PDB file of all heavy atoms in Angstrom:
ATOM      1  N   TRP A   1      36.905  14.133 -20.881  1.00  0.00           N
ATOM      2  CA  TRP A   1      37.211  15.529 -21.188  1.00  0.00           C
ATOM      3  C   TRP A   1      38.650  15.917 -20.830  1.00  0.00           C
ATOM      4  O   TRP A   1      39.164  16.919 -21.324  1.00  0.00           O
ATOM      5  CB  TRP A   1      36.240  16.463 -20.463  1.00  0.00           C
ATOM      6  CG  TRP A   1      36.249  16.344 -18.972  1.00  0.00           C
ATOM      7  CD1 TRP A   1      35.507  15.493 -18.208  1.00  0.00           C
ATOM      8  CD2 TRP A   1      37.044  17.109 -18.046  1.00  0.00           C
ATOM      9  NE1 TRP A   1      35.784  15.668 -16.871  1.00  0.00           N
ATOM     10  CE2 TRP A   1      36.717  16.653 -16.749  1.00  0.00           C
ATOM     11  CE3 TRP A   1      37.994  18.129 -18.194  1.00  0.00           C
ATOM     12  CZ2 TRP A   1      37.305  17.182 -15.600  1.00  0.00           C
ATOM     13  CZ3 TRP A   1      38.574  18.656 -17.049  1.00  0.00           C
ATOM     14  CH2 TRP A   1      38.235  18.190 -15.776  1.00  0.00           C
ATOM     15  N   ARG A   2      39.292  15.128 -20.011  1.00  0.00           N
ATOM     16  CA  ARG A   2      40.649  15.472 -19.581  1.00  0.00           C
ATOM     17  C   ARG A   2      41.654  15.265 -20.707  1.00  0.00           C
ATOM     18  O   ARG A   2      41.526  14.343 -21.511  1.00  0.00           O
ATOM     19  CB  ARG A   2      41.059  14.615 -18.382  1.00  0.00           C
ATOM     20  CG  ARG A   2      40.292  14.926 -17.117  1.00  0.00           C
ATOM     21  CD  ARG A   2      40.676  13.995 -15.992  1.00  0.00           C
ATOM     22  NE  ARG A   2      39.957  14.320 -14.756  1.00  0.00           N
ATOM     23  CZ  ARG A   2      39.877  13.528 -13.699  1.00  0.00           C
ATOM     24  NH1 ARG A   2      40.493  12.353 -13.713  1.00  0.00           N
ATOM     25  NH2 ARG A   2      39.209  13.893 -12.627  1.00  0.00           N
ATOM     26  N   GLY A   3      42.659  16.134 -20.742  1.00  0.00           N
ATOM     27  CA  GLY A   3      43.758  15.960 -21.680  1.00  0.00           C
ATOM     28  C   GLY A   3      43.466  16.388 -23.098  1.00  0.00           C
ATOM     29  O   GLY A   3      44.247  16.079 -24.004  1.00  0.00           O
ATOM     30  N   LYS A   4      42.386  17.135 -23.302  1.00  0.00           N
ATOM     31  CA  LYS A   4      42.027  17.594 -24.652  1.00  0.00           C
ATOM     32  C   LYS A   4      41.958  19.115 -24.658  1.00  0.00           C
ATOM     33  O   LYS A   4      41.414  19.736 -23.740  1.00  0.00           O
ATOM     34  CB  LYS A   4      40.690  17.003 -25.092  1.00  0.00           C
ATOM     35  CG  LYS A   4      40.705  15.480 -25.211  1.00  0.00           C
ATOM     36  CD  LYS A   4      39.345  14.944 -25.629  1.00  0.00           C
ATOM     37  CE  LYS A   4      39.398  13.442 -25.860  1.00  0.00           C
ATOM     38  NZ  LYS A   4      39.728  12.690 -24.628  1.00  0.00           N
ATOM     39  N   TRP A   5      42.493  19.723 -25.706  1.00  0.00           N
ATOM     40  CA  TRP A   5      42.500  21.182 -25.796  1.00  0.00           C
ATOM     41  C   TRP A   5      41.092  21.754 -25.756  1.00  0.00           C
ATOM     42  O   TRP A   5      40.836  22.738 -25.071  1.00  0.00           O
ATOM     43  CB  TRP A   5      43.226  21.639 -27.063  1.00  0.00           C
ATOM     44  CG  TRP A   5      44.696  21.446 -27.017  1.00  0.00           C
ATOM     45  CD1 TRP A   5      45.451  20.611 -27.788  1.00  0.00           C
ATOM     46  CD2 TRP A   5      45.633  22.124 -26.146  1.00  0.00           C
ATOM     47  NE1 TRP A   5      46.775  20.703 -27.445  1.00  0.00           N
ATOM     48  CE2 TRP A   5      46.925  21.633 -26.448  1.00  0.00           C
ATOM     49  CE3 TRP A   5      45.499  23.076 -25.141  1.00  0.00           C
ATOM     50  CZ2 TRP A   5      48.062  22.071 -25.791  1.00  0.00           C
ATOM     51  CZ3 TRP A   5      46.631  23.517 -24.482  1.00  0.00           C
ATOM     52  CH2 TRP A   5      47.894  23.019 -24.807  1.00  0.00           C
ATOM     53  N   LYS A   6      40.175  21.152 -26.487  1.00  0.00           N
ATOM     54  CA  LYS A   6      38.831  21.720 -26.587  1.00  0.00           C
ATOM     55  C   LYS A   6      38.099  21.692 -25.256  1.00  0.00           C
ATOM     56  O   LYS A   6      37.432  22.672 -24.886  1.00  0.00           O
ATOM     57  CB  LYS A   6      38.016  20.973 -27.641  1.00  0.00           C
ATOM     58  CG  LYS A   6      36.607  21.546 -27.822  1.00  0.00           C
ATOM     59  CD  LYS A   6      35.827  20.816 -28.907  1.00  0.00           C
ATOM     60  CE  LYS A   6      34.429  21.409 -29.046  1.00  0.00           C
ATOM     61  NZ  LYS A   6      33.636  20.705 -30.081  1.00  0.00           N
ATOM     62  N   THR A   7      38.200  20.598 -24.541  1.00  0.00           N
ATOM     63  CA  THR A   7      37.384  20.433 -23.342  1.00  0.00           C
ATOM     64  C   THR A   7      38.087  20.800 -22.033  1.00  0.00           C
ATOM     65  O   THR A   7      37.438  21.245 -21.086  1.00  0.00           O
ATOM     66  CB  THR A   7      36.870  18.981 -23.243  1.00  0.00           C
ATOM     67  OG1 THR A   7      37.972  18.085 -23.437  1.00  0.00           O
ATOM     68  CG2 THR A   7      35.808  18.719 -24.294  1.00  0.00           C
ATOM     69  N   GLU A   8      39.407  20.614 -21.963  1.00  0.00           N
ATOM     70  CA  GLU A   8      40.127  20.989 -20.743  1.00  0.00           C
ATOM     71  C   GLU A   8      40.844  22.321 -20.894  1.00  0.00           C
ATOM     72  O   GLU A   8      41.063  23.032 -19.915  1.00  0.00           O
ATOM     73  CB  GLU A   8      41.116  19.899 -20.331  1.00  0.00           C
ATOM     74  CG  GLU A   8      41.621  20.082 -18.915  1.00  0.00           C
ATOM     75  CD  GLU A   8      42.454  18.901 -18.412  1.00  0.00           C
ATOM     76  OE1 GLU A   8      43.010  18.151 -19.239  1.00  0.00           O
ATOM     77  OE2 GLU A   8      42.556  18.742 -17.185  1.00  0.00           O
ATOM     78  N   GLY A   9      41.223  22.666 -22.138  1.00  0.00           N
ATOM     79  CA  GLY A   9      41.868  23.952 -22.389  1.00  0.00           C
ATOM     80  C   GLY A   9      43.336  23.989 -22.025  1.00  0.00           C
ATOM     81  O   GLY A   9      43.965  25.044 -22.039  1.00  0.00           O
ATOM     82  N   GLY A  10      43.899  22.830 -21.738  1.00  0.00           N
ATOM     83  CA  GLY A  10      45.235  22.701 -21.176  1.00  0.00           C
ATOM     84  C   GLY A  10      45.117  21.830 -19.948  1.00  0.00           C
ATOM     85  O   GLY A  10      44.089  21.863 -19.259  1.00  0.00           O
ATOM     86  N   SER A  11      46.123  21.040 -19.658  1.00  0.00           N
ATOM     87  CA  SER A  11      45.998  20.109 -18.526  1.00  0.00           C
ATOM     88  C   SER A  11      46.747  20.597 -17.299  1.00  0.00           C
ATOM     89  O   SER A  11      46.153  21.043 -16.328  1.00  0.00           O
ATOM     90  CB  SER A  11      46.488  18.719 -18.951  1.00  0.00           C
ATOM     91  OG  SER A  11      45.584  18.155 -19.873  1.00  0.00           O
ATOM     92  N   LEU A  12      48.063  20.565 -17.336  1.00  0.00           N
ATOM     93  CA  LEU A  12      48.860  20.987 -16.189  1.00  0.00           C
ATOM     94  C   LEU A  12      48.488  22.395 -15.725  1.00  0.00           C
ATOM     95  O   LEU A  12      48.167  22.623 -14.557  1.00  0.00           O
ATOM     96  CB  LEU A  12      50.344  20.925 -16.550  1.00  0.00           C
ATOM     97  CG  LEU A  12      51.297  21.671 -15.624  1.00  0.00           C
ATOM     98  CD1 LEU A  12      51.370  20.987 -14.274  1.00  0.00           C
ATOM     99  CD2 LEU A  12      52.665  21.787 -16.252  1.00  0.00           C
ATOM    100  N   LEU A  13      48.551  23.358 -16.640  1.00  0.00           N
ATOM    101  CA  LEU A  13      48.382  24.756 -16.244  1.00  0.00           C
ATOM    102  C   LEU A  13      46.941  25.126 -15.937  1.00  0.00           C
ATOM    103  O   LEU A  13      46.677  25.972 -15.086  1.00  0.00           O
ATOM    104  CB  LEU A  13      48.930  25.684 -17.330  1.00  0.00           C
ATOM    105  CG  LEU A  13      50.451  25.644 -17.509  1.00  0.00           C
ATOM    106  CD1 LEU A  13      50.866  26.529 -18.671  1.00  0.00           C
ATOM    107  CD2 LEU A  13      51.178  26.068 -16.244  1.00  0.00           C
ATOM    108  N   MET A  14      45.994  24.502 -16.611  1.00  0.00           N
ATOM    109  CA  MET A  14      44.590  24.844 -16.410  1.00  0.00           C
ATOM    110  C   MET A  14      43.923  24.025 -15.312  1.00  0.00           C
ATOM    111  O   MET A  14      42.809  24.340 -14.888  1.00  0.00           O
ATOM    112  CB  MET A  14      43.831  24.652 -17.724  1.00  0.00           C
ATOM    113  CG  MET A  14      44.200  25.659 -18.792  1.00  0.00           C
ATOM    114  SD  MET A  14      43.585  27.312 -18.429  1.00  0.00           S
ATOM    115  CE  MET A  14      41.867  27.106 -18.888  1.00  0.00           C
ATOM    116  N   ASN A  15      44.606  22.983 -14.861  1.00  0.00           N
ATOM    117  CA  ASN A  15      43.977  22.116 -13.872  1.00  0.00           C
ATOM    118  C   ASN A  15      44.807  22.012 -12.598  1.00  0.00           C
ATOM    119  O   ASN A  15      44.383  22.445 -11.528  1.00  0.00           O
ATOM    120  CB  ASN A  15      43.743  20.722 -14.470  1.00  0.00           C
ATOM    121  CG  ASN A  15      42.584  20.001 -13.808  1.00  0.00           C
ATOM    122  OD1 ASN A  15      42.259  20.256 -12.657  1.00  0.00           O
ATOM    123  ND2 ASN A  15      41.954  19.090 -14.529  1.00  0.00           N
ATOM    124  N   GLN A  16      46.016  21.452 -12.685  1.00  0.00           N
ATOM    125  CA  GLN A  16      46.804  21.234 -11.468  1.00  0.00           C
ATOM    126  C   GLN A  16      47.513  22.502 -10.980  1.00  0.00           C
ATOM    127  O   GLN A  16      47.466  22.832  -9.800  1.00  0.00           O
ATOM    128  CB  GLN A  16      47.843  20.124 -11.696  1.00  0.00           C
ATOM    129  CG  GLN A  16      47.253  18.732 -11.750  1.00  0.00           C
ATOM    130  CD  GLN A  16      46.600  18.433 -13.086  1.00  0.00           C
ATOM    131  OE1 GLN A  16      47.210  18.615 -14.147  1.00  0.00           O
ATOM    132  NE2 GLN A  16      45.365  17.971 -13.061  1.00  0.00           N
ATOM    133  N   ALA A  17      48.195  23.223 -11.871  1.00  0.00           N
ATOM    134  CA  ALA A  17      49.032  24.350 -11.449  1.00  0.00           C
ATOM    135  C   ALA A  17      48.267  25.653 -11.291  1.00  0.00           C
ATOM    136  O   ALA A  17      48.807  26.632 -10.766  1.00  0.00           O
ATOM    137  CB  ALA A  17      50.176  24.552 -12.447  1.00  0.00           C
ATOM    138  N   ILE A  18      47.010  25.679 -11.705  1.00  0.00           N
ATOM    139  CA  ILE A  18      46.312  26.974 -11.784  1.00  0.00           C
ATOM    140  C   ILE A  18      46.133  27.632 -10.411  1.00  0.00           C
ATOM    141  O   ILE A  18      46.169  28.860 -10.295  1.00  0.00           O
ATOM    142  CB  ILE A  18      44.965  26.818 -12.514  1.00  0.00           C
ATOM    143  CG1 ILE A  18      44.433  28.207 -12.927  1.00  0.00           C
ATOM    144  CG2 ILE A  18      43.952  26.028 -11.685  1.00  0.00           C
ATOM    145  CD1 ILE A  18      43.341  28.161 -13.948  1.00  0.00           C
ATOM    146  N   HIS A  19      45.985  26.826  -9.356  1.00  0.00           N
ATOM    147  CA  HIS A  19      45.852  27.418  -8.020  1.00  0.00           C
ATOM    148  C   HIS A  19      47.146  28.106  -7.597  1.00  0.00           C
ATOM    149  O   HIS A  19      47.119  29.201  -7.028  1.00  0.00           O
ATOM    150  CB  HIS A  19      45.482  26.347  -7.003  1.00  0.00           C
ATOM    151  CG  HIS A  19      44.044  25.958  -7.037  1.00  0.00           C
ATOM    152  ND1 HIS A  19      43.020  26.833  -6.763  1.00  0.00           N
ATOM    153  CD2 HIS A  19      43.448  24.771  -7.321  1.00  0.00           C
ATOM    154  CE1 HIS A  19      41.859  26.217  -6.859  1.00  0.00           C
ATOM    155  NE2 HIS A  19      42.089  24.961  -7.202  1.00  0.00           N
ATOM    156  N   THR A  20      48.287  27.467  -7.868  1.00  0.00           N
ATOM    157  CA  THR A  20      49.561  28.078  -7.509  1.00  0.00           C
ATOM    158  C   THR A  20      49.831  29.293  -8.387  1.00  0.00           C
ATOM    159  O   THR A  20      50.355  30.313  -7.904  1.00  0.00           O
ATOM    160  CB  THR A  20      50.700  27.051  -7.635  1.00  0.00           C
ATOM    161  OG1 THR A  20      50.312  25.841  -7.003  1.00  0.00           O
ATOM    162  CG2 THR A  20      51.972  27.563  -6.972  1.00  0.00           C
ATOM    163  N   LEU A  21      49.487  29.204  -9.664  1.00  0.00           N
ATOM    164  CA  LEU A  21      49.590  30.366 -10.548  1.00  0.00           C
ATOM    165  C   LEU A  21      48.785  31.538  -9.994  1.00  0.00           C
ATOM    166  O   LEU A  21      49.243  32.683 -10.001  1.00  0.00           O
ATOM    167  CB  LEU A  21      49.067  30.027 -11.946  1.00  0.00           C
ATOM    168  CG  LEU A  21      49.978  29.329 -12.931  1.00  0.00           C
ATOM    169  CD1 LEU A  21      49.201  29.005 -14.208  1.00  0.00           C
ATOM    170  CD2 LEU A  21      51.209  30.160 -13.254  1.00  0.00           C
ATOM    171  N   ASP A  22      47.584  31.245  -9.528  1.00  0.00           N
ATOM    172  CA  ASP A  22      46.728  32.312  -9.016  1.00  0.00           C
ATOM    173  C   ASP A  22      47.327  32.972  -7.786  1.00  0.00           C
ATOM    174  O   ASP A  22      47.389  34.203  -7.704  1.00  0.00           O
ATOM    175  CB  ASP A  22      45.337  31.765  -8.692  1.00  0.00           C
ATOM    176  CG  ASP A  22      44.422  32.855  -8.168  1.00  0.00           C
ATOM    177  OD1 ASP A  22      44.110  33.789  -8.932  1.00  0.00           O
ATOM    178  OD2 ASP A  22      44.039  32.808  -6.983  1.00  0.00           O
ATOM    179  N   ILE A  23      47.772  32.164  -6.828  1.00  0.00           N
ATOM    180  CA  ILE A  23      48.355  32.731  -5.618  1.00  0.00           C
ATOM    181  C   ILE A  23      49.620  33.521  -5.941  1.00  0.00           C
ATOM    182  O   ILE A  23      49.853  34.614  -5.399  1.00  0.00           O
ATOM    183  CB  ILE A  23      48.640  31.613  -4.595  1.00  0.00           C
ATOM    184  CG1 ILE A  23      47.325  31.088  -4.017  1.00  0.00           C
ATOM    185  CG2 ILE A  23      49.557  32.093  -3.491  1.00  0.00           C
ATOM    186  CD1 ILE A  23      46.504  32.128  -3.282  1.00  0.00           C
ATOM    187  N   TYR A  24      50.442  32.979  -6.823  1.00  0.00           N
ATOM    188  CA  TYR A  24      51.698  33.619  -7.241  1.00  0.00           C
ATOM    189  C   TYR A  24      51.434  35.010  -7.806  1.00  0.00           C
ATOM    190  O   TYR A  24      52.029  36.003  -7.352  1.00  0.00           O
ATOM    191  CB  TYR A  24      52.344  32.706  -8.278  1.00  0.00           C
ATOM    192  CG  TYR A  24      53.625  33.177  -8.929  1.00  0.00           C
ATOM    193  CD1 TYR A  24      54.807  33.321  -8.216  1.00  0.00           C
ATOM    194  CD2 TYR A  24      53.656  33.397 -10.315  1.00  0.00           C
ATOM    195  CE1 TYR A  24      55.981  33.696  -8.844  1.00  0.00           C
ATOM    196  CE2 TYR A  24      54.830  33.770 -10.942  1.00  0.00           C
ATOM    197  CZ  TYR A  24      55.987  33.927 -10.208  1.00  0.00           C
ATOM    198  OH  TYR A  24      57.155  34.291 -10.834  1.00  0.00           O
ATOM    199  N   GLN A  25      50.535  35.111  -8.778  1.00  0.00           N
ATOM    200  CA  GLN A  25      50.289  36.415  -9.392  1.00  0.00           C
ATOM    201  C   GLN A  25      49.520  37.339  -8.451  1.00  0.00           C
ATOM    202  O   GLN A  25      49.714  38.545  -8.463  1.00  0.00           O
ATOM    203  CB  GLN A  25      49.565  36.249 -10.736  1.00  0.00           C
ATOM    204  CG  GLN A  25      48.157  35.688 -10.702  1.00  0.00           C
ATOM    205  CD  GLN A  25      47.090  36.726 -10.411  1.00  0.00           C
ATOM    206  OE1 GLN A  25      47.274  37.904 -10.712  1.00  0.00           O
ATOM    207  NE2 GLN A  25      45.988  36.293  -9.816  1.00  0.00           N
ATOM    208  N   TRP A  26      48.652  36.768  -7.600  1.00  0.00           N
ATOM    209  CA  TRP A  26      47.839  37.575  -6.687  1.00  0.00           C
ATOM    210  C   TRP A  26      48.699  38.207  -5.598  1.00  0.00           C
ATOM    211  O   TRP A  26      48.561  39.400  -5.296  1.00  0.00           O
ATOM    212  CB  TRP A  26      46.764  36.680  -6.078  1.00  0.00           C
ATOM    213  CG  TRP A  26      45.819  37.349  -5.132  1.00  0.00           C
ATOM    214  CD1 TRP A  26      44.928  38.344  -5.403  1.00  0.00           C
ATOM    215  CD2 TRP A  26      45.652  37.039  -3.738  1.00  0.00           C
ATOM    216  NE1 TRP A  26      44.209  38.676  -4.278  1.00  0.00           N
ATOM    217  CE2 TRP A  26      44.634  37.886  -3.245  1.00  0.00           C
ATOM    218  CE3 TRP A  26      46.244  36.110  -2.878  1.00  0.00           C
ATOM    219  CZ2 TRP A  26      44.207  37.844  -1.914  1.00  0.00           C
ATOM    220  CZ3 TRP A  26      45.818  36.063  -1.555  1.00  0.00           C
ATOM    221  CH2 TRP A  26      44.809  36.925  -1.084  1.00  0.00           C
ATOM    222  N   ILE A  27      49.589  37.428  -5.007  1.00  0.00           N
ATOM    223  CA  ILE A  27      50.477  37.958  -3.971  1.00  0.00           C
ATOM    224  C   ILE A  27      51.333  39.097  -4.510  1.00  0.00           C
ATOM    225  O   ILE A  27      51.533  40.120  -3.850  1.00  0.00           O
ATOM    226  CB  ILE A  27      51.378  36.837  -3.400  1.00  0.00           C
ATOM    227  CG1 ILE A  27      50.570  35.920  -2.478  1.00  0.00           C
ATOM    228  CG2 ILE A  27      52.573  37.413  -2.646  1.00  0.00           C
ATOM    229  CD1 ILE A  27      51.349  34.723  -1.959  1.00  0.00           C
ATOM    230  N   LEU A  28      51.810  38.937  -5.741  1.00  0.00           N
ATOM    231  CA  LEU A  28      52.727  39.928  -6.323  1.00  0.00           C
ATOM    232  C   LEU A  28      52.003  41.094  -6.991  1.00  0.00           C
ATOM    233  O   LEU A  28      52.646  42.029  -7.459  1.00  0.00           O
ATOM    234  CB  LEU A  28      53.656  39.252  -7.324  1.00  0.00           C
ATOM    235  CG  LEU A  28      54.950  38.603  -6.788  1.00  0.00           C
ATOM    236  CD1 LEU A  28      55.865  39.626  -6.150  1.00  0.00           C
ATOM    237  CD2 LEU A  28      54.681  37.459  -5.851  1.00  0.00           C
ATOM    238  N   GLY A  29      50.683  41.054  -7.085  1.00  0.00           N
ATOM    239  CA  GLY A  29      49.940  42.190  -7.627  1.00  0.00           C
ATOM    240  C   GLY A  29      49.666  42.139  -9.105  1.00  0.00           C
ATOM    241  O   GLY A  29      49.359  43.173  -9.716  1.00  0.00           O
ATOM    242  N   GLY A  30      49.730  40.969  -9.706  1.00  0.00           N
ATOM    243  CA  GLY A  30      49.354  40.816 -11.110  1.00  0.00           C
ATOM    244  C   GLY A  30      50.526  40.857 -12.061  1.00  0.00           C
ATOM    245  O   GLY A  30      51.587  41.408 -11.758  1.00  0.00           O
ATOM    246  N   VAL A  31      50.314  40.239 -13.225  1.00  0.00           N
ATOM    247  CA  VAL A  31      51.355  40.088 -14.250  1.00  0.00           C
ATOM    248  C   VAL A  31      51.037  40.965 -15.447  1.00  0.00           C
ATOM    249  O   VAL A  31      49.905  41.019 -15.919  1.00  0.00           O
ATOM    250  CB  VAL A  31      51.443  38.602 -14.686  1.00  0.00           C
ATOM    251  CG1 VAL A  31      52.313  38.435 -15.909  1.00  0.00           C
ATOM    252  CG2 VAL A  31      51.961  37.757 -13.528  1.00  0.00           C
ATOM    253  N   SER A  32      52.065  41.645 -15.975  1.00  0.00           N
ATOM    254  CA  SER A  32      51.873  42.506 -17.144  1.00  0.00           C
ATOM    255  C   SER A  32      52.420  41.901 -18.432  1.00  0.00           C
ATOM    256  O   SER A  32      51.914  42.180 -19.516  1.00  0.00           O
ATOM    257  CB  SER A  32      52.535  43.871 -16.913  1.00  0.00           C
ATOM    258  OG  SER A  32      53.928  43.725 -16.682  1.00  0.00           O
ATOM    259  N   GLU A  33      53.474  41.062 -18.338  1.00  0.00           N
ATOM    260  CA  GLU A  33      54.065  40.451 -19.525  1.00  0.00           C
ATOM    261  C   GLU A  33      54.384  38.984 -19.252  1.00  0.00           C
ATOM    262  O   GLU A  33      54.771  38.632 -18.136  1.00  0.00           O
ATOM    263  CB  GLU A  33      55.356  41.173 -19.927  1.00  0.00           C
ATOM    264  CG  GLU A  33      55.184  42.629 -20.315  1.00  0.00           C
ATOM    265  CD  GLU A  33      56.513  43.277 -20.654  1.00  0.00           C
ATOM    266  OE1 GLU A  33      57.154  42.827 -21.615  1.00  0.00           O
ATOM    267  OE2 GLU A  33      56.911  44.203 -19.911  1.00  0.00           O
ATOM    268  N   VAL A  34      54.235  38.151 -20.289  1.00  0.00           N
ATOM    269  CA  VAL A  34      54.464  36.708 -20.152  1.00  0.00           C
ATOM    270  C   VAL A  34      55.166  36.184 -21.397  1.00  0.00           C
ATOM    271  O   VAL A  34      54.815  36.556 -22.514  1.00  0.00           O
ATOM    272  CB  VAL A  34      53.134  35.934 -19.994  1.00  0.00           C
ATOM    273  CG1 VAL A  34      53.407  34.443 -19.783  1.00  0.00           C
ATOM    274  CG2 VAL A  34      52.302  36.494 -18.875  1.00  0.00           C
ATOM    275  N   CYS A  35      56.132  35.298 -21.184  1.00  0.00           N
ATOM    276  CA  CYS A  35      56.743  34.553 -22.282  1.00  0.00           C
ATOM    277  C   CYS A  35      56.883  33.109 -21.815  1.00  0.00           C
ATOM    278  O   CYS A  35      57.601  32.842 -20.846  1.00  0.00           O
ATOM    279  CB  CYS A  35      58.105  35.132 -22.649  1.00  0.00           C
ATOM    280  SG  CYS A  35      58.921  34.247 -24.006  1.00  0.00           S
ATOM    281  N   GLY A  36      56.162  32.179 -22.454  1.00  0.00           N
ATOM    282  CA  GLY A  36      56.123  30.822 -21.952  1.00  0.00           C
ATOM    283  C   GLY A  36      56.400  29.755 -22.987  1.00  0.00           C
ATOM    284  O   GLY A  36      56.337  30.008 -24.202  1.00  0.00           O
ATOM    285  N   MET A  37      56.716  28.577 -22.498  1.00  0.00           N
ATOM    286  CA  MET A  37      56.882  27.392 -23.333  1.00  0.00           C
ATOM    287  C   MET A  37      56.209  26.223 -22.639  1.00  0.00           C
ATOM    288  O   MET A  37      56.113  26.180 -21.407  1.00  0.00           O
ATOM    289  CB  MET A  37      58.363  27.067 -23.546  1.00  0.00           C
ATOM    290  CG  MET A  37      59.146  28.161 -24.242  1.00  0.00           C
ATOM    291  SD  MET A  37      60.888  27.696 -24.477  1.00  0.00           S
ATOM    292  CE  MET A  37      60.733  26.435 -25.749  1.00  0.00           C
ATOM    293  N   HIS A  38      55.750  25.257 -23.428  1.00  0.00           N
ATOM    294  CA  HIS A  38      55.110  24.075 -22.851  1.00  0.00           C
ATOM    295  C   HIS A  38      55.314  22.885 -23.775  1.00  0.00           C
ATOM    296  O   HIS A  38      55.594  23.036 -24.968  1.00  0.00           O
ATOM    297  CB  HIS A  38      53.611  24.314 -22.641  1.00  0.00           C
ATOM    298  CG  HIS A  38      52.851  24.521 -23.924  1.00  0.00           C
ATOM    299  ND1 HIS A  38      52.239  23.483 -24.608  1.00  0.00           N
ATOM    300  CD2 HIS A  38      52.625  25.632 -24.653  1.00  0.00           C
ATOM    301  CE1 HIS A  38      51.662  23.953 -25.689  1.00  0.00           C
ATOM    302  NE2 HIS A  38      51.878  25.254 -25.748  1.00  0.00           N
ATOM    303  N   ASP A  39      55.191  21.683 -23.211  1.00  0.00           N
ATOM    304  CA  ASP A  39      55.364  20.472 -24.015  1.00  0.00           C
ATOM    305  C   ASP A  39      54.694  19.302 -23.303  1.00  0.00           C
ATOM    306  O   ASP A  39      54.367  19.383 -22.110  1.00  0.00           O
ATOM    307  CB  ASP A  39      56.853  20.176 -24.213  1.00  0.00           C
ATOM    308  CG  ASP A  39      57.132  19.390 -25.498  1.00  0.00           C
ATOM    309  OD1 ASP A  39      56.187  18.756 -26.025  1.00  0.00           O
ATOM    310  OD2 ASP A  39      58.286  19.406 -25.952  1.00  0.00           O
ATOM    311  N   ASN A  40      54.493  18.244 -24.054  1.00  0.00           N
ATOM    312  CA  ASN A  40      54.036  16.969 -23.506  1.00  0.00           C
ATOM    313  C   ASN A  40      55.242  16.038 -23.526  1.00  0.00           C
ATOM    314  O   ASN A  40      55.587  15.473 -24.559  1.00  0.00           O
ATOM    315  CB  ASN A  40      52.889  16.410 -24.359  1.00  0.00           C
ATOM    316  CG  ASN A  40      52.368  15.082 -23.835  1.00  0.00           C
ATOM    317  OD1 ASN A  40      52.974  14.455 -22.969  1.00  0.00           O
ATOM    318  ND2 ASN A  40      51.230  14.647 -24.361  1.00  0.00           N
TER     319      ASN A  40
END
């Protein structure tokens, strides 16, 4: 299931980085706007 859009929904951001993303946005009180890029 790893590494597939359907089953993982994203790899780096949905699996490894998601905890840091959560703490980052939680400490600062939430995010209102996002502009992102990603690649393999």
